Amino acid sequence: MRFDRPEPHHCGTAFAAAELSRALERGELTLHYQPQICLADNRLAGFEALLRWEHPSRGTVLPDAFLGAIRSGGYTELVTCRVLDAVHEQLAQWRPHLERGVGVAVNMIPAALTRPAVLDALADIVATAPANASRLSIELSEAASVEEVERAWDDLARVTEGLVRLVLDDFGAGYGALHYLRSLPIHMVKIDRSVIGRLPDDDEAIALTEAVIRVAQSRGIWVVAEGVETEAQHALVKAAGCDIGQGYHYGYPEPPAVLEQRWLPRKAG
């Protein structure tokens, strides 16, 4: 539930938990979706759901300004459940128009997957629409400890019967642990924007990108280059064999109705 780089909308300043509480009551938190593109053939690979606050006076506010209020106000569980419900509804609308395997990713902190309401929301998706569950991915940050991610995966697998896929986010931000790729049934790994942003001129970033792609793909794990903004970055990650690209080079996060005009032409037309 976050966004990779500031987009051309008003970011605002930090907000207090009390104002966020009123926003939750008024339904001002919404989702935008950013496309992910198969680099081999430019097909749509999926979307990432990204949280936005449509503030009545400040415009569209990005999560950096209000994630602190979510945590300090004790709203992590509530907001996560609302995001899952919204993605579930969106998948139900989009599913007839999506190619096989195209789904939506939701970013979470591992602790969210220990909350009973979150686990119940995931179990409900599996029970009511297993086809939606099979198109849902949960992104967990590599910044979490291995133990946290392993516990989160155990709970996720238990309540979703293995249908919901696990994505390791922010990989390389801490030059982290290839242990994750060996110890967990990860479907996809996302090379962090802090690495991709240094391409194509940083030899260390190039070496790290190529190493992650090589090791992950040797284990059957798909690789996403996150935060691709330039043609040069796109060309390098594609040449390195990366599977999927995400970033401004391919598309901005947009509300569903806007995305449908470009990415789901059968529905829009």
Protein backbone atom coordinates (compact mmCIF):
# COMPACT_ATOMS: atom_id res chain seq x y z
CA MET A 1 0.00 0.00 0.00
CA ARG A 2 2.45 2.57 -1.17
CA PHE A 3 3.88 4.13 -4.30
CA ASP A 4 7.34 3.92 -5.82
CA ARG A 5 8.09 7.55 -6.76
CA PRO A 6 6.14 10.82 -6.32
CA GLU A 7 3.83 11.30 -9.27
CA PRO A 8 2.53 14.65 -10.54
CA HIS A 9 -0.12 15.06 -7.86
CA HIS A 10 -0.07 17.02 -4.63
CA CYS A 11 1.78 15.05 -1.95
CA GLY A 12 0.65 17.15 0.99
CA THR A 13 2.21 17.13 4.46
CA ALA A 14 2.01 14.67 7.32
CA PHE A 15 -1.48 14.12 8.70
CA ALA A 16 -2.76 13.38 12.19
CA ALA A 17 -4.63 10.19 13.01
CA ALA A 18 -7.79 12.16 13.82
CA GLU A 19 -7.97 13.61 10.30
CA LEU A 20 -7.33 10.19 8.82
CA SER A 21 -10.17 8.81 10.93
CA ARG A 22 -12.54 11.33 9.37
CA ALA A 23 -11.23 10.43 5.92
CA LEU A 24 -11.98 6.76 6.56
CA GLU A 25 -15.51 7.65 7.64
CA ARG A 26 -16.02 9.67 4.45
CA GLY A 27 -14.50 7.00 2.18
CA GLU A 28 -11.74 9.28 0.88
CA LEU A 29 -9.07 6.56 0.63
CA THR A 30 -9.08 5.04 -2.85
CA LEU A 31 -6.93 2.83 -5.04
CA HIS A 32 -5.04 3.64 -8.20
CA TYR A 33 -3.45 0.88 -10.26
CA GLN A 34 -0.07 0.90 -12.01
CA PRO A 35 0.47 -1.47 -14.97
CA GLN A 36 3.25 -4.05 -15.10
CA ILE A 37 4.47 -5.00 -18.57
CA CYS A 38 5.97 -8.23 -19.97
CA LEU A 39 9.28 -7.09 -21.41
CA ALA A 40 9.47 -9.83 -24.03
CA ASP A 41 6.34 -8.77 -25.92
CA ASN A 42 4.91 -5.63 -24.23
CA ARG A 43 1.79 -7.46 -23.03
CA LEU A 44 0.05 -6.46 -19.82
CA ALA A 45 1.39 -8.65 -16.99
CA GLY A 46 -0.61 -7.22 -14.10
CA PHE A 47 -1.26 -4.21 -11.89
CA GLU A 48 -0.11 -3.02 -8.49
CA ALA A 49 -2.80 -1.51 -6.27
CA LEU A 50 -1.61 1.78 -4.77
CA LEU A 51 -3.35 3.68 -2.00
CA ARG A 52 -4.37 7.32 -2.44
CA TRP A 53 -6.17 9.87 -0.28
CA GLU A 54 -8.54 12.03 -2.30
CA HIS A 55 -8.43 14.96 0.10
CA PRO A 56 -11.28 17.48 -0.31
CA SER A 57 -8.96 20.51 -0.17
CA ARG A 58 -5.45 19.20 -0.85
CA GLY A 59 -6.18 16.97 -3.81
CA THR A 60 -4.61 13.57 -4.32
CA VAL A 61 -2.28 12.76 -1.43
CA LEU A 62 0.35 10.03 -1.62
CA PRO A 63 0.86 7.45 1.15
CA ASP A 64 4.12 8.88 2.49
CA ALA A 65 2.05 11.69 3.99
CA PHE A 66 -0.42 9.47 5.84
CA LEU A 67 1.06 5.99 6.42
CA GLY A 68 2.35 7.25 9.76
CA ALA A 69 -1.19 8.20 10.75
CA ILE A 70 -2.44 4.76 9.72
CA ARG A 71 0.07 3.08 12.00
CA SER A 72 -0.10 5.49 14.94
CA GLY A 73 -3.90 5.50 14.87
CA GLY A 74 -4.10 1.71 14.85
CA TYR A 75 -5.77 1.60 11.42
CA THR A 76 -3.45 -0.90 9.71
CA GLU A 77 -5.91 -3.76 9.98
CA LEU A 78 -8.92 -1.70 8.89
CA VAL A 79 -7.18 -0.11 5.90
CA THR A 80 -5.67 -3.41 4.77
CA CYS A 81 -9.08 -5.08 4.84
CA ARG A 82 -10.63 -2.23 2.87
CA VAL A 83 -7.87 -2.49 0.27
CA LEU A 84 -8.40 -6.25 -0.06
CA ASP A 85 -12.16 -5.77 -0.41
CA ALA A 86 -11.68 -3.11 -3.10
CA VAL A 87 -9.20 -5.26 -5.05
CA HIS A 88 -11.56 -8.21 -4.78
CA GLU A 89 -14.38 -6.12 -6.29
CA GLN A 90 -12.09 -4.75 -9.00
CA LEU A 91 -10.91 -8.22 -9.99
CA ALA A 92 -14.51 -9.37 -10.24
CA GLN A 93 -15.18 -6.55 -12.74
CA TRP A 94 -11.96 -6.96 -14.69
CA ARG A 95 -11.53 -10.73 -14.70
CA PRO A 96 -13.56 -11.43 -17.88
CA HIS A 97 -11.38 -8.94 -19.75
CA LEU A 98 -7.95 -9.98 -18.46
CA GLU A 99 -5.58 -12.37 -20.15
CA ARG A 100 -4.73 -15.57 -18.32
CA GLY A 101 -2.40 -14.92 -15.39
CA VAL A 102 -2.93 -11.16 -15.27
CA GLY A 103 -3.76 -10.07 -11.73
CA VAL A 104 -3.31 -7.45 -9.02
CA ALA A 105 -0.61 -7.12 -6.37
CA VAL A 106 -1.20 -5.60 -2.92
CA ASN A 107 1.71 -4.40 -0.82
CA MET A 108 1.60 -5.27 2.90
CA ILE A 109 3.80 -5.25 5.95
CA PRO A 110 4.27 -8.80 7.29
CA ALA A 111 2.56 -7.88 10.56
CA ALA A 112 -0.70 -7.26 8.69
CA LEU A 113 -0.86 -10.96 7.85
CA THR A 114 -1.00 -11.81 11.53
CA ARG A 115 -4.20 -9.79 12.06
CA PRO A 116 -7.35 -11.94 12.28
CA ALA A 117 -9.52 -9.57 10.21
CA VAL A 118 -6.95 -9.52 7.38
CA LEU A 119 -6.70 -13.31 7.36
CA ASP A 120 -10.50 -13.53 7.39
CA ALA A 121 -10.71 -11.14 4.42
CA LEU A 122 -8.27 -13.29 2.45
CA ALA A 123 -10.12 -16.47 3.40
CA ASP A 124 -13.39 -14.88 2.23
CA ILE A 125 -11.89 -14.12 -1.19
CA VAL A 126 -10.80 -17.74 -1.53
CA ALA A 127 -14.19 -19.05 -0.40
CA THR A 128 -16.32 -16.76 -2.55
CA ALA A 129 -14.14 -16.33 -5.66
CA PRO A 130 -11.16 -18.67 -5.94
CA ALA A 131 -10.59 -17.35 -9.47
CA ASN A 132 -9.99 -13.90 -7.96
CA ALA A 133 -7.71 -15.36 -5.30
CA SER A 134 -5.54 -16.98 -7.96
CA ARG A 135 -5.00 -13.53 -9.54
CA LEU A 136 -4.06 -11.87 -6.25
CA SER A 137 -0.47 -11.38 -5.12
CA ILE A 138 0.74 -10.14 -1.75
CA GLU A 139 3.96 -8.16 -1.77
CA LEU A 140 6.09 -8.32 1.38
CA SER A 141 9.13 -6.10 1.82
CA GLU A 142 12.61 -7.59 1.88
CA ALA A 143 13.28 -5.07 4.65
CA ALA A 144 11.41 -7.38 7.02
CA SER A 145 13.32 -10.14 8.76
CA VAL A 146 13.38 -13.63 7.28
CA GLU A 147 11.45 -14.85 10.32
CA GLU A 148 8.72 -12.23 9.83
CA VAL A 149 8.30 -13.10 6.17
CA GLU A 150 8.27 -16.84 6.91
CA ARG A 151 5.56 -16.40 9.55
CA ALA A 152 3.54 -14.21 7.21
CA TRP A 153 3.84 -16.78 4.44
CA ASP A 154 2.72 -19.59 6.75
CA ASP A 155 -0.46 -17.65 7.63
CA LEU A 156 -1.05 -16.61 4.01
CA ALA A 157 -0.70 -20.16 2.69
CA ARG A 158 -2.93 -21.55 5.44
CA VAL A 159 -5.90 -19.26 4.82
CA THR A 160 -5.64 -19.03 1.03
CA GLU A 161 -4.93 -22.71 0.29
CA GLY A 162 -1.87 -21.63 -1.66
CA LEU A 163 -3.92 -19.73 -4.26
CA VAL A 164 -2.61 -16.25 -3.39
CA ARG A 165 0.94 -15.71 -4.59
CA LEU A 166 3.84 -14.26 -2.63
CA VAL A 167 6.00 -11.46 -4.06
CA LEU A 168 9.20 -10.24 -2.42
CA ASP A 169 9.28 -6.45 -2.75
CA ASP A 170 12.15 -3.95 -2.46
CA PHE A 171 14.76 -6.59 -3.28
CA GLY A 172 18.27 -5.17 -3.33
CA ALA A 173 17.43 -2.10 -1.24
CA GLY A 174 19.51 -3.59 1.55
CA TYR A 175 21.56 -5.82 -0.70
CA GLY A 176 19.61 -8.51 0.92
CA ALA A 177 19.20 -11.94 1.33
CA LEU A 178 19.26 -14.44 -1.42
CA HIS A 179 18.20 -16.72 1.43
CA TYR A 180 14.66 -15.58 0.74
CA LEU A 181 14.84 -17.04 -2.75
CA ARG A 182 15.95 -20.40 -1.38
CA SER A 183 13.69 -20.73 1.66
CA LEU A 184 10.28 -19.44 0.55
CA PRO A 185 7.88 -20.37 -2.28
CA ILE A 186 8.18 -16.94 -3.86
CA HIS A 187 6.36 -16.39 -7.15
CA MET A 188 8.02 -13.10 -8.02
CA VAL A 189 10.79 -10.77 -6.81
CA LYS A 190 10.87 -7.02 -7.45
CA ILE A 191 14.23 -5.32 -7.84
CA ASP A 192 14.01 -2.13 -5.83
CA ARG A 193 13.73 1.26 -7.54
CA SER A 194 16.83 2.41 -5.67
CA VAL A 195 18.80 -0.10 -7.74
CA ILE A 196 16.98 0.45 -11.05
CA GLY A 197 17.29 4.22 -10.65
CA ARG A 198 21.10 3.93 -10.81
CA LEU A 199 20.99 2.21 -14.18
CA PRO A 200 22.54 2.27 -16.72
CA ASP A 201 25.61 4.13 -15.43
CA ASP A 202 26.36 2.35 -12.14
CA ASP A 203 28.39 -0.85 -12.55
CA GLU A 204 27.46 -2.10 -9.09
CA ALA A 205 23.74 -1.66 -9.80
CA ILE A 206 24.13 -3.46 -13.14
CA ALA A 207 25.92 -6.38 -11.47
CA LEU A 208 23.28 -6.62 -8.74
CA THR A 209 20.42 -6.49 -11.25
CA GLU A 210 21.97 -9.22 -13.38
CA ALA A 211 22.71 -11.39 -10.31
CA VAL A 212 19.16 -11.17 -8.98
CA ILE A 213 17.72 -12.04 -12.39
CA ARG A 214 20.09 -14.99 -12.78
CA VAL A 215 19.53 -16.47 -9.31
CA ALA A 216 15.77 -15.90 -9.24
CA GLN A 217 15.14 -17.34 -12.68
CA SER A 218 17.27 -20.39 -11.88
CA ARG A 219 14.64 -21.14 -9.22
CA GLY A 220 11.66 -20.44 -11.48
CA ILE A 221 10.94 -17.05 -9.89
CA TRP A 222 9.76 -14.17 -12.08
CA VAL A 223 11.62 -10.86 -11.80
CA VAL A 224 10.15 -7.34 -11.93
CA ALA A 225 12.26 -4.23 -12.46
CA GLU A 226 10.49 -1.55 -10.42
CA GLY A 227 10.80 2.17 -11.02
CA VAL A 228 11.83 2.03 -14.69
CA GLU A 229 11.63 5.60 -15.94
CA THR A 230 13.87 5.86 -19.00
CA GLU A 231 14.40 4.06 -22.27
CA ALA A 232 17.98 3.29 -21.25
CA GLN A 233 16.83 1.57 -18.05
CA HIS A 234 14.20 -0.35 -19.99
CA ALA A 235 16.74 -1.49 -22.57
CA LEU A 236 19.20 -2.67 -19.93
CA VAL A 237 16.77 -4.71 -17.83
CA LYS A 238 15.24 -6.23 -20.95
CA ALA A 239 18.67 -7.20 -22.28
CA ALA A 240 19.51 -8.72 -18.88
CA GLY A 241 16.52 -11.03 -19.25
CA CYS A 242 14.18 -9.40 -16.72
CA ASP A 243 10.61 -10.65 -17.09
CA ILE A 244 8.48 -7.62 -16.19
CA GLY A 245 8.88 -3.85 -16.01
CA GLN A 246 7.00 -1.37 -13.83
CA GLY A 247 7.40 2.39 -13.69
CA TYR A 248 6.65 5.67 -15.42
CA HIS A 249 8.26 4.43 -18.62
CA TYR A 250 5.28 2.08 -19.06
CA GLY A 251 2.45 3.83 -17.27
CA TYR A 252 1.44 5.97 -14.31
CA PRO A 253 -0.85 4.82 -11.51
CA GLU A 254 -4.38 5.77 -12.51
CA PRO A 255 -7.95 5.26 -11.28
CA PRO A 256 -9.63 2.14 -12.70
CA ALA A 257 -11.83 4.01 -15.16
CA VAL A 258 -8.79 5.68 -16.74
CA LEU A 259 -6.79 2.47 -16.96
CA GLU A 260 -9.63 0.65 -18.68
CA GLN A 261 -9.41 3.00 -21.66
CA ARG A 262 -5.88 1.88 -22.46
CA TRP A 263 -5.37 -1.55 -20.93
CA LEU A 264 -8.83 -3.10 -21.17
CA PRO A 265 -10.10 -1.85 -24.55
CA ARG A 266 -12.66 -4.65 -24.84
CA LYS A 267 -14.37 -3.43 -21.71
CA ALA A 268 -14.06 0.26 -22.58
CA GLY A 269 -15.37 -0.24 -26.08
